[in-house]
């Protein structure tokens, strides 16, 4: 039986693979992703989380700070626990 990859894992892999070009375009922004799709870029984490919850519901999206290096994705906070 084949295991389905979560949207969060797909989003993380997409972010890592495209991080360099994303940083050129969205440096310092909070990126809202769903799978391999960038939904929007925001100035604050709170704005990105609010938009993600409205559009996808708790835990069904990912948010990454668009910065170079591992620090942009090495800490993962479940969206339902994010501070607004």
Protein backbone atom coordinates (compact mmCIF):
# COMPACT_ATOMS: atom_id res chain seq x y z
CA UNK A 1 0.00 0.00 0.00
CA UNK A 2 1.41 3.39 -1.02
CA UNK A 3 1.64 6.06 1.64
CA UNK A 4 0.27 9.49 0.81
CA UNK A 5 2.60 12.43 1.48
CA UNK A 6 1.06 15.18 3.60
CA UNK A 7 0.48 18.63 2.14
CA UNK A 8 2.83 20.02 4.79
CA UNK A 9 5.66 17.73 3.71
CA UNK A 10 5.02 18.54 0.05
CA UNK A 11 5.08 22.26 0.90
CA UNK A 12 8.32 21.90 2.87
CA UNK A 13 10.02 20.01 0.04
CA UNK A 14 8.80 22.62 -2.45
CA UNK A 15 10.04 25.49 -0.28
CA UNK A 16 13.49 23.91 0.19
CA UNK A 17 13.85 23.09 -3.51
CA UNK A 18 12.86 26.62 -4.62
CA UNK A 19 14.13 28.59 -1.62
CA UNK A 20 16.81 30.51 -3.52
CA UNK A 21 14.45 31.85 -6.19
CA UNK A 22 11.65 32.45 -3.67
CA UNK A 23 14.01 34.57 -1.57
CA UNK A 24 14.81 36.72 -4.59
CA UNK A 25 11.10 37.37 -5.06
CA UNK A 26 9.70 37.38 -1.51
CA UNK A 27 12.67 38.08 0.81
CA UNK A 28 11.54 38.58 4.41
CA UNK A 29 7.86 37.84 3.71
CA UNK A 30 5.77 35.09 5.31
CA UNK A 31 4.75 32.67 2.55
CA UNK A 32 1.46 30.81 2.78
CA UNK A 33 1.70 27.51 0.93
CA UNK A 34 -0.68 24.68 0.21
CA UNK A 35 1.20 21.74 -1.24
CA UNK A 36 3.34 23.02 -4.12
CA UNK A 37 1.35 26.23 -4.50
CA UNK A 38 2.25 29.63 -3.09
CA UNK A 39 -1.06 31.15 -2.04
CA UNK A 40 0.21 34.57 -0.94
CA UNK A 41 3.04 36.49 0.72
CA UNK A 42 2.40 38.50 3.90
CA UNK A 43 4.28 41.02 6.02
CA UNK A 44 3.51 39.20 9.28
CA UNK A 45 3.08 35.66 10.55
CA UNK A 46 -0.31 36.58 12.05
CA UNK A 47 -1.65 37.72 8.67
CA UNK A 48 -0.43 34.53 6.99
CA UNK A 49 -1.91 32.26 9.66
CA UNK A 50 -5.25 34.12 9.62
CA UNK A 51 -5.46 33.76 5.83
CA UNK A 52 -4.46 30.08 5.99
CA UNK A 53 -7.07 29.26 8.62
CA UNK A 54 -9.82 31.09 6.72
CA UNK A 55 -8.98 29.44 3.41
CA UNK A 56 -7.89 25.94 4.48
CA UNK A 57 -8.73 25.34 8.15
CA UNK A 58 -6.41 24.41 11.03
CA UNK A 59 -3.30 22.52 10.01
CA UNK A 60 -4.11 22.27 6.30
CA UNK A 61 -1.49 24.77 5.11
CA UNK A 62 2.11 25.81 5.77
CA UNK A 63 3.78 29.15 6.46
CA UNK A 64 7.49 29.80 5.94
CA UNK A 65 9.55 32.91 6.57
CA UNK A 66 11.19 33.58 3.23
CA UNK A 67 14.86 33.76 4.24
CA UNK A 68 17.91 31.85 3.04
CA UNK A 69 19.27 28.90 5.00
CA UNK A 70 17.88 26.18 7.22
CA UNK A 71 16.58 28.59 9.86
CA UNK A 72 13.64 29.37 7.54
CA UNK A 73 12.28 25.84 7.89
CA UNK A 74 14.03 24.13 10.78
CA UNK A 75 11.43 25.10 13.40
CA UNK A 76 7.93 23.85 12.69
CA UNK A 77 5.02 25.10 14.78
CA UNK A 78 1.66 23.46 14.04
CA UNK A 79 -0.62 26.17 12.68
CA UNK A 80 -3.28 25.46 15.27
CA UNK A 81 -0.76 26.53 17.93
CA UNK A 82 0.48 29.69 16.17
CA UNK A 83 0.33 33.00 18.00
CA UNK A 84 -1.93 35.60 16.46
